Amino acid sequence: MEVVAKQKKLTMMQQLDDIMIDVSWRQIAQDYFGKSSSWIYNKLHGRDGNGGEGGFTDIEKQQLQGALYDIADRIRRAASTITQ
């Protein structure tokens, strides 16, 4: 008998929980996607904007990952300019 472990798929909100309140999602939506804040919040919550299931496409996930990497790099550069 084969036992198959069912993996619970985490929502985007769960995956990004650690930074949710520290990031301006409105700014990310505008700067990296050219979209509104409601668009990104619907995507983060797995909705399509019309109340149905949705979420990020694979391409949008790559874009979001790139945006977060870019912001992380900018924060690191800014932090490195702070002198003692």
PDB file of N, CA and C in Angstrom:
ATOM      1  N   MET A   1       0.844  -1.180   0.000  1.00  0.00           N
ATOM      2  CA  MET A   1       0.000   0.000   0.000  1.00  0.00           C
ATOM      3  C   MET A   1       0.888   1.243   0.000  1.00  0.00           C
ATOM      4  N   GLU A   2       0.633   2.110  -0.935  1.00  0.00           N
ATOM      5  CA  GLU A   2       1.427   3.324  -1.069  1.00  0.00           C
ATOM      6  C   GLU A   2       0.761   4.463  -0.310  1.00  0.00           C
ATOM      7  N   VAL A   3       1.534   5.112   0.508  1.00  0.00           N
ATOM      8  CA  VAL A   3       1.024   6.251   1.265  1.00  0.00           C
ATOM      9  C   VAL A   3       1.501   7.515   0.571  1.00  0.00           C
ATOM     10  N   VAL A   4       0.567   8.337   0.209  1.00  0.00           N
ATOM     11  CA  VAL A   4       0.896   9.588  -0.463  1.00  0.00           C
ATOM     12  C   VAL A   4       0.669  10.724   0.524  1.00  0.00           C
ATOM     13  N   ALA A   5       1.718  11.455   0.788  1.00  0.00           N
ATOM     14  CA  ALA A   5       1.604  12.603   1.689  1.00  0.00           C
ATOM     15  C   ALA A   5       1.018  13.766   0.907  1.00  0.00           C
ATOM     16  N   LYS A   6      -0.035  14.308   1.433  1.00  0.00           N
ATOM     17  CA  LYS A   6      -0.678  15.443   0.788  1.00  0.00           C
ATOM     18  C   LYS A   6       0.002  16.720   1.259  1.00  0.00           C
ATOM     19  N   GLN A   7       0.587  17.438   0.318  1.00  0.00           N
ATOM     20  CA  GLN A   7       1.242  18.685   0.669  1.00  0.00           C
ATOM     21  C   GLN A   7       0.225  19.807   0.604  1.00  0.00           C
ATOM     22  N   LYS A   8       0.208  20.597   1.644  1.00  0.00           N
ATOM     23  CA  LYS A   8      -0.674  21.752   1.663  1.00  0.00           C
ATOM     24  C   LYS A   8      -0.009  22.866   0.867  1.00  0.00           C
ATOM     25  N   LYS A   9      -0.722  23.381  -0.117  1.00  0.00           N
ATOM     26  CA  LYS A   9      -0.184  24.453  -0.930  1.00  0.00           C
ATOM     27  C   LYS A   9      -0.389  25.774  -0.195  1.00  0.00           C
ATOM     28  N   LEU A  10       0.694  26.485   0.022  1.00  0.00           N
ATOM     29  CA  LEU A  10       0.620  27.755   0.718  1.00  0.00           C
ATOM     30  C   LEU A  10       0.154  28.845  -0.224  1.00  0.00           C
ATOM     31  N   THR A  11      -0.679  29.736   0.285  1.00  0.00           N
ATOM     32  CA  THR A  11      -1.092  30.889  -0.508  1.00  0.00           C
ATOM     33  C   THR A  11       0.075  31.864  -0.587  1.00  0.00           C
ATOM     34  N   MET A  12      -0.005  32.791  -1.519  1.00  0.00           N
ATOM     35  CA  MET A  12       1.041  33.800  -1.647  1.00  0.00           C
ATOM     36  C   MET A  12       1.131  34.613  -0.356  1.00  0.00           C
ATOM     37  N   MET A  13      -0.012  34.914   0.256  1.00  0.00           N
ATOM     38  CA  MET A  13      -0.020  35.659   1.521  1.00  0.00           C
ATOM     39  C   MET A  13       0.753  34.896   2.596  1.00  0.00           C
ATOM     40  N   GLN A  14       0.565  33.593   2.663  1.00  0.00           N
ATOM     41  CA  GLN A  14       1.269  32.781   3.658  1.00  0.00           C
ATOM     42  C   GLN A  14       2.765  32.741   3.366  1.00  0.00           C
ATOM     43  N   GLN A  15       3.118  32.672   2.099  1.00  0.00           N
ATOM     44  CA  GLN A  15       4.528  32.618   1.725  1.00  0.00           C
ATOM     45  C   GLN A  15       5.247  33.924   2.060  1.00  0.00           C
ATOM     46  N   LEU A  16       4.520  35.037   1.976  1.00  0.00           N
ATOM     47  CA  LEU A  16       5.122  36.354   2.183  1.00  0.00           C
ATOM     48  C   LEU A  16       4.778  36.954   3.542  1.00  0.00           C
ATOM     49  N   ASP A  17       4.235  36.148   4.434  1.00  0.00           N
ATOM     50  CA  ASP A  17       3.750  36.620   5.729  1.00  0.00           C
ATOM     51  C   ASP A  17       4.782  37.446   6.494  1.00  0.00           C
ATOM     52  N   ASP A  18       6.020  37.057   6.461  1.00  0.00           N
ATOM     53  CA  ASP A  18       7.064  37.725   7.230  1.00  0.00           C
ATOM     54  C   ASP A  18       7.262  39.190   6.837  1.00  0.00           C
ATOM     55  N   ILE A  19       6.932  39.543   5.604  1.00  0.00           N
ATOM     56  CA  ILE A  19       7.178  40.919   5.143  1.00  0.00           C
ATOM     57  C   ILE A  19       5.906  41.681   4.788  1.00  0.00           C
ATOM     58  N   MET A  20       4.753  41.075   4.977  1.00  0.00           N
ATOM     59  CA  MET A  20       3.500  41.683   4.510  1.00  0.00           C
ATOM     60  C   MET A  20       3.297  43.117   4.995  1.00  0.00           C
ATOM     61  N   ILE A  21       3.559  43.394   6.268  1.00  0.00           N
ATOM     62  CA  ILE A  21       3.297  44.745   6.771  1.00  0.00           C
ATOM     63  C   ILE A  21       4.464  45.701   6.551  1.00  0.00           C
ATOM     64  N   ASP A  22       5.594  45.201   6.116  1.00  0.00           N
ATOM     65  CA  ASP A  22       6.771  46.041   5.932  1.00  0.00           C
ATOM     66  C   ASP A  22       6.962  46.519   4.495  1.00  0.00           C
ATOM     67  N   VAL A  23       6.140  46.066   3.610  1.00  0.00           N
ATOM     68  CA  VAL A  23       6.315  46.360   2.188  1.00  0.00           C
ATOM     69  C   VAL A  23       5.140  47.196   1.687  1.00  0.00           C
ATOM     70  N   SER A  24       5.428  48.166   0.822  1.00  0.00           N
ATOM     71  CA  SER A  24       4.366  48.941   0.189  1.00  0.00           C
ATOM     72  C   SER A  24       3.922  48.196  -1.072  1.00  0.00           C
ATOM     73  N   TRP A  25       2.879  47.388  -0.910  1.00  0.00           N
ATOM     74  CA  TRP A  25       2.384  46.592  -2.034  1.00  0.00           C
ATOM     75  C   TRP A  25       1.800  47.485  -3.120  1.00  0.00           C
ATOM     76  N   ARG A  26       1.240  48.626  -2.729  1.00  0.00           N
ATOM     77  CA  ARG A  26       0.721  49.582  -3.715  1.00  0.00           C
ATOM     78  C   ARG A  26       1.853  50.048  -4.622  1.00  0.00           C
ATOM     79  N   GLN A  27       2.994  50.372  -4.008  1.00  0.00           N
ATOM     80  CA  GLN A  27       4.132  50.850  -4.788  1.00  0.00           C
ATOM     81  C   GLN A  27       4.686  49.756  -5.693  1.00  0.00           C
ATOM     82  N   ILE A  28       4.741  48.535  -5.208  1.00  0.00           N
ATOM     83  CA  ILE A  28       5.202  47.412  -6.036  1.00  0.00           C
ATOM     84  C   ILE A  28       4.261  47.217  -7.217  1.00  0.00           C
ATOM     85  N   ALA A  29       2.952  47.281  -6.960  1.00  0.00           N
ATOM     86  CA  ALA A  29       1.970  47.120  -8.039  1.00  0.00           C
ATOM     87  C   ALA A  29       2.181  48.176  -9.116  1.00  0.00           C
ATOM     88  N   GLN A  30       2.400  49.425  -8.689  1.00  0.00           N
ATOM     89  CA  GLN A  30       2.574  50.518  -9.646  1.00  0.00           C
ATOM     90  C   GLN A  30       3.916  50.440 -10.367  1.00  0.00           C
ATOM     91  N   ASP A  31       4.991  50.294  -9.597  1.00  0.00           N
ATOM     92  CA  ASP A  31       6.335  50.373 -10.174  1.00  0.00           C
ATOM     93  C   ASP A  31       6.738  49.158 -11.000  1.00  0.00           C
ATOM     94  N   TYR A  32       6.339  47.976 -10.572  1.00  0.00           N
ATOM     95  CA  TYR A  32       6.825  46.758 -11.218  1.00  0.00           C
ATOM     96  C   TYR A  32       5.796  46.087 -12.130  1.00  0.00           C
ATOM     97  N   PHE A  33       4.513  46.425 -11.940  1.00  0.00           N
ATOM     98  CA  PHE A  33       3.470  45.795 -12.749  1.00  0.00           C
ATOM     99  C   PHE A  33       2.633  46.808 -13.532  1.00  0.00           C
ATOM    100  N   GLY A  34       2.702  48.086 -13.160  1.00  0.00           N
ATOM    101  CA  GLY A  34       1.862  49.090 -13.798  1.00  0.00           C
ATOM    102  C   GLY A  34       0.390  48.883 -13.474  1.00  0.00           C
ATOM    103  N   LYS A  35       0.121  48.374 -12.277  1.00  0.00           N
ATOM    104  CA  LYS A  35      -1.250  48.037 -11.868  1.00  0.00           C
ATOM    105  C   LYS A  35      -1.608  48.780 -10.584  1.00  0.00           C
ATOM    106  N   SER A  36      -2.875  48.638 -10.186  1.00  0.00           N
ATOM    107  CA  SER A  36      -3.383  49.300  -8.983  1.00  0.00           C
ATOM    108  C   SER A  36      -3.117  48.470  -7.733  1.00  0.00           C
ATOM    109  N   SER A  37      -3.300  49.119  -6.587  1.00  0.00           N
ATOM    110  CA  SER A  37      -3.128  48.399  -5.318  1.00  0.00           C
ATOM    111  C   SER A  37      -4.174  47.303  -5.163  1.00  0.00           C
ATOM    112  N   SER A  38      -5.399  47.548  -5.626  1.00  0.00           N
ATOM    113  CA  SER A  38      -6.433  46.508  -5.505  1.00  0.00           C
ATOM    114  C   SER A  38      -6.069  45.284  -6.345  1.00  0.00           C
ATOM    115  N   TRP A  39      -5.417  45.504  -7.480  1.00  0.00           N
ATOM    116  CA  TRP A  39      -4.994  44.386  -8.327  1.00  0.00           C
ATOM    117  C   TRP A  39      -4.042  43.473  -7.559  1.00  0.00           C
ATOM    118  N   ILE A  40      -3.015  44.058  -6.929  1.00  0.00           N
ATOM    119  CA  ILE A  40      -2.031  43.209  -6.250  1.00  0.00           C
ATOM    120  C   ILE A  40      -2.623  42.567  -5.003  1.00  0.00           C
ATOM    121  N   TYR A  41      -3.492  43.273  -4.290  1.00  0.00           N
ATOM    122  CA  TYR A  41      -4.102  42.664  -3.100  1.00  0.00           C
ATOM    123  C   TYR A  41      -5.001  41.495  -3.488  1.00  0.00           C
ATOM    124  N   ASN A  42      -5.733  41.631  -4.582  1.00  0.00           N
ATOM    125  CA  ASN A  42      -6.532  40.495  -5.062  1.00  0.00           C
ATOM    126  C   ASN A  42      -5.631  39.320  -5.418  1.00  0.00           C
ATOM    127  N   LYS A  43      -4.540  39.594  -6.108  1.00  0.00           N
ATOM    128  CA  LYS A  43      -3.601  38.536  -6.487  1.00  0.00           C
ATOM    129  C   LYS A  43      -3.006  37.864  -5.252  1.00  0.00           C
ATOM    130  N   LEU A  44      -2.611  38.666  -4.270  1.00  0.00           N
ATOM    131  CA  LEU A  44      -2.024  38.120  -3.045  1.00  0.00           C
ATOM    132  C   LEU A  44      -2.998  37.223  -2.293  1.00  0.00           C
ATOM    133  N   HIS A  45      -4.278  37.556  -2.384  1.00  0.00           N
ATOM    134  CA  HIS A  45      -5.311  36.771  -1.701  1.00  0.00           C
ATOM    135  C   HIS A  45      -5.851  35.638  -2.567  1.00  0.00           C
ATOM    136  N   GLY A  46      -5.300  35.468  -3.769  1.00  0.00           N
ATOM    137  CA  GLY A  46      -5.713  34.368  -4.634  1.00  0.00           C
ATOM    138  C   GLY A  46      -7.034  34.602  -5.332  1.00  0.00           C
ATOM    139  N   ARG A  47      -7.385  35.868  -5.528  1.00  0.00           N
ATOM    140  CA  ARG A  47      -8.633  36.208  -6.213  1.00  0.00           C
ATOM    141  C   ARG A  47      -8.324  36.821  -7.573  1.00  0.00           C
ATOM    142  N   ASP A  48      -9.301  36.724  -8.456  1.00  0.00           N
ATOM    143  CA  ASP A  48      -9.101  37.268  -9.797  1.00  0.00           C
ATOM    144  C   ASP A  48      -9.626  38.689  -9.956  1.00  0.00           C
ATOM    145  N   GLY A  49     -10.182  39.269  -8.917  1.00  0.00           N
ATOM    146  CA  GLY A  49     -10.716  40.621  -9.002  1.00  0.00           C
ATOM    147  C   GLY A  49     -12.206  40.651  -9.207  1.00  0.00           C
ATOM    148  N   ASN A  50     -12.774  39.539  -9.630  1.00  0.00           N
ATOM    149  CA  ASN A  50     -14.220  39.432  -9.819  1.00  0.00           C
ATOM    150  C   ASN A  50     -14.840  38.482  -8.800  1.00  0.00           C
ATOM    151  N   GLY A  51     -14.094  38.191  -7.758  1.00  0.00           N
ATOM    152  CA  GLY A  51     -14.595  37.304  -6.718  1.00  0.00           C
ATOM    153  C   GLY A  51     -14.261  35.842  -6.923  1.00  0.00           C
ATOM    154  N   GLY A  52     -13.750  35.504  -8.089  1.00  0.00           N
ATOM    155  CA  GLY A  52     -13.394  34.114  -8.369  1.00  0.00           C
ATOM    156  C   GLY A  52     -11.967  33.813  -7.948  1.00  0.00           C
ATOM    157  N   GLU A  53     -11.591  32.557  -8.124  1.00  0.00           N
ATOM    158  CA  GLU A  53     -10.218  32.168  -7.808  1.00  0.00           C
ATOM    159  C   GLU A  53      -9.278  32.715  -8.866  1.00  0.00           C
ATOM    160  N   GLY A  54      -8.149  33.121  -8.423  1.00  0.00           N
ATOM    161  CA  GLY A  54      -7.165  33.676  -9.344  1.00  0.00           C
ATOM    162  C   GLY A  54      -5.794  33.529  -8.753  1.00  0.00           C
ATOM    163  N   GLY A  55      -5.096  34.606  -8.671  1.00  0.00           N
ATOM    164  CA  GLY A  55      -3.742  34.571  -8.147  1.00  0.00           C
ATOM    165  C   GLY A  55      -2.773  34.947  -9.241  1.00  0.00           C
ATOM    166  N   PHE A  56      -1.513  34.795  -8.940  1.00  0.00           N
ATOM    167  CA  PHE A  56      -0.468  35.178  -9.877  1.00  0.00           C
ATOM    168  C   PHE A  56      -0.239  34.093 -10.921  1.00  0.00           C
ATOM    169  N   THR A  57      -0.035  34.525 -12.155  1.00  0.00           N
ATOM    170  CA  THR A  57       0.394  33.595 -13.193  1.00  0.00           C
ATOM    171  C   THR A  57       1.870  33.280 -12.936  1.00  0.00           C
ATOM    172  N   ASP A  58       2.397  32.299 -13.622  1.00  0.00           N
ATOM    173  CA  ASP A  58       3.815  31.968 -13.458  1.00  0.00           C
ATOM    174  C   ASP A  58       4.706  33.154 -13.824  1.00  0.00           C
ATOM    175  N   ILE A  59       4.343  33.868 -14.870  1.00  0.00           N
ATOM    176  CA  ILE A  59       5.124  35.043 -15.290  1.00  0.00           C
ATOM    177  C   ILE A  59       5.054  36.133 -14.230  1.00  0.00           C
ATOM    178  N   GLU A  60       3.859  36.361 -13.663  1.00  0.00           N
ATOM    179  CA  GLU A  60       3.704  37.367 -12.611  1.00  0.00           C
ATOM    180  C   GLU A  60       4.470  36.973 -11.352  1.00  0.00           C
ATOM    181  N   LYS A  61       4.532  35.683 -11.060  1.00  0.00           N
ATOM    182  CA  LYS A  61       5.320  35.221  -9.909  1.00  0.00           C
ATOM    183  C   LYS A  61       6.791  35.551 -10.115  1.00  0.00           C
ATOM    184  N   GLN A  62       7.280  35.357 -11.336  1.00  0.00           N
ATOM    185  CA  GLN A  62       8.674  35.691 -11.639  1.00  0.00           C
ATOM    186  C   GLN A  62       8.897  37.193 -11.502  1.00  0.00           C
ATOM    187  N   GLN A  63       7.926  37.987 -11.971  1.00  0.00           N
ATOM    188  CA  GLN A  63       8.019  39.441 -11.851  1.00  0.00           C
ATOM    189  C   GLN A  63       8.050  39.860 -10.387  1.00  0.00           C
ATOM    190  N   LEU A  64       7.182  39.267  -9.581  1.00  0.00           N
ATOM    191  CA  LEU A  64       7.129  39.597  -8.159  1.00  0.00           C
ATOM    192  C   LEU A  64       8.436  39.211  -7.475  1.00  0.00           C
ATOM    193  N   GLN A  65       8.947  38.054  -7.804  1.00  0.00           N
ATOM    194  CA  GLN A  65      10.223  37.624  -7.234  1.00  0.00           C
ATOM    195  C   GLN A  65      11.324  38.617  -7.601  1.00  0.00           C
ATOM    196  N   GLY A  66      11.359  39.030  -8.857  1.00  0.00           N
ATOM    197  CA  GLY A  66      12.348  40.009  -9.302  1.00  0.00           C
ATOM    198  C   GLY A  66      12.193  41.339  -8.587  1.00  0.00           C
ATOM    199  N   ALA A  67      10.955  41.769  -8.379  1.00  0.00           N
ATOM    200  CA  ALA A  67      10.694  43.021  -7.670  1.00  0.00           C
ATOM    201  C   ALA A  67      11.219  42.947  -6.241  1.00  0.00           C
ATOM    202  N   LEU A  68      10.949  41.842  -5.565  1.00  0.00           N
ATOM    203  CA  LEU A  68      11.409  41.691  -4.181  1.00  0.00           C
ATOM    204  C   LEU A  68      12.931  41.615  -4.105  1.00  0.00           C
ATOM    205  N   TYR A  69      13.558  40.938  -5.071  1.00  0.00           N
ATOM    206  CA  TYR A  69      15.027  40.906  -5.120  1.00  0.00           C
ATOM    207  C   TYR A  69      15.585  42.311  -5.343  1.00  0.00           C
ATOM    208  N   ASP A  70      14.955  43.075  -6.236  1.00  0.00           N
ATOM    209  CA  ASP A  70      15.402  44.434  -6.520  1.00  0.00           C
ATOM    210  C   ASP A  70      15.308  45.305  -5.269  1.00  0.00           C
ATOM    211  N   ILE A  71      14.177  45.224  -4.571  1.00  0.00           N
ATOM    212  CA  ILE A  71      13.994  46.012  -3.350  1.00  0.00           C
ATOM    213  C   ILE A  71      15.010  45.593  -2.287  1.00  0.00           C
ATOM    214  N   ALA A  72      15.241  44.290  -2.159  1.00  0.00           N
ATOM    215  CA  ALA A  72      16.223  43.799  -1.187  1.00  0.00           C
ATOM    216  C   ALA A  72      17.616  44.345  -1.500  1.00  0.00           C
ATOM    217  N   ASP A  73      17.975  44.356  -2.781  1.00  0.00           N
ATOM    218  CA  ASP A  73      19.279  44.894  -3.182  1.00  0.00           C
ATOM    219  C   ASP A  73      19.371  46.384  -2.867  1.00  0.00           C
ATOM    220  N   ARG A  74      18.295  47.125  -3.131  1.00  0.00           N
ATOM    221  CA  ARG A  74      18.286  48.560  -2.855  1.00  0.00           C
ATOM    222  C   ARG A  74      18.406  48.833  -1.360  1.00  0.00           C
ATOM    223  N   ILE A  75      17.748  48.027  -0.539  1.00  0.00           N
ATOM    224  CA  ILE A  75      17.845  48.189   0.916  1.00  0.00           C
ATOM    225  C   ILE A  75      19.264  47.894   1.386  1.00  0.00           C
ATOM    226  N   ARG A  76      19.874  46.844   0.848  1.00  0.00           N
ATOM    227  CA  ARG A  76      21.258  46.508   1.223  1.00  0.00           C
ATOM    228  C   ARG A  76      22.223  47.638   0.845  1.00  0.00           C
ATOM    229  N   ARG A  77      22.048  48.193  -0.361  1.00  0.00           N
ATOM    230  CA  ARG A  77      22.920  49.296  -0.785  1.00  0.00           C
ATOM    231  C   ARG A  77      22.735  50.505   0.125  1.00  0.00           C
ATOM    232  N   ALA A  78      21.479  50.816   0.460  1.00  0.00           N
ATOM    233  CA  ALA A  78      21.208  51.950   1.346  1.00  0.00           C
ATOM    234  C   ALA A  78      21.811  51.705   2.727  1.00  0.00           C
ATOM    235  N   ALA A  79      21.670  50.485   3.232  1.00  0.00           N
ATOM    236  CA  ALA A  79      22.219  50.155   4.551  1.00  0.00           C
ATOM    237  C   ALA A  79      23.735  50.279   4.560  1.00  0.00           C
ATOM    238  N   SER A  80      24.364  49.921   3.458  1.00  0.00           N
ATOM    239  CA  SER A  80      25.831  49.963   3.412  1.00  0.00           C
ATOM    240  C   SER A  80      26.366  51.390   3.375  1.00  0.00           C
ATOM    241  N   THR A  81      25.524  52.357   3.067  1.00  0.00           N
ATOM    242  CA  THR A  81      25.984  53.750   3.046  1.00  0.00           C
ATOM    243  C   THR A  81      25.954  54.395   4.427  1.00  0.00           C
ATOM    244  N   ILE A  82      25.334  53.727   5.386  1.00  0.00           N
ATOM    245  CA  ILE A  82      25.254  54.274   6.744  1.00  0.00           C
ATOM    246  C   ILE A  82      26.627  54.154   7.396  1.00  0.00           C
ATOM    247  N   THR A  83      27.131  55.280   7.842  1.00  0.00           N
ATOM    248  CA  THR A  83      28.451  55.286   8.473  1.00  0.00           C
ATOM    249  C   THR A  83      28.307  55.346   9.987  1.00  0.00           C
ATOM    250  N   GLN A  84      29.287  54.800  10.651  1.00  0.00           N
ATOM    251  CA  GLN A  84      29.293  54.768  12.123  1.00  0.00           C
ATOM    252  C   GLN A  84      29.830  56.066  12.666  1.00  0.00           C
TER     253      GLN A  84
END
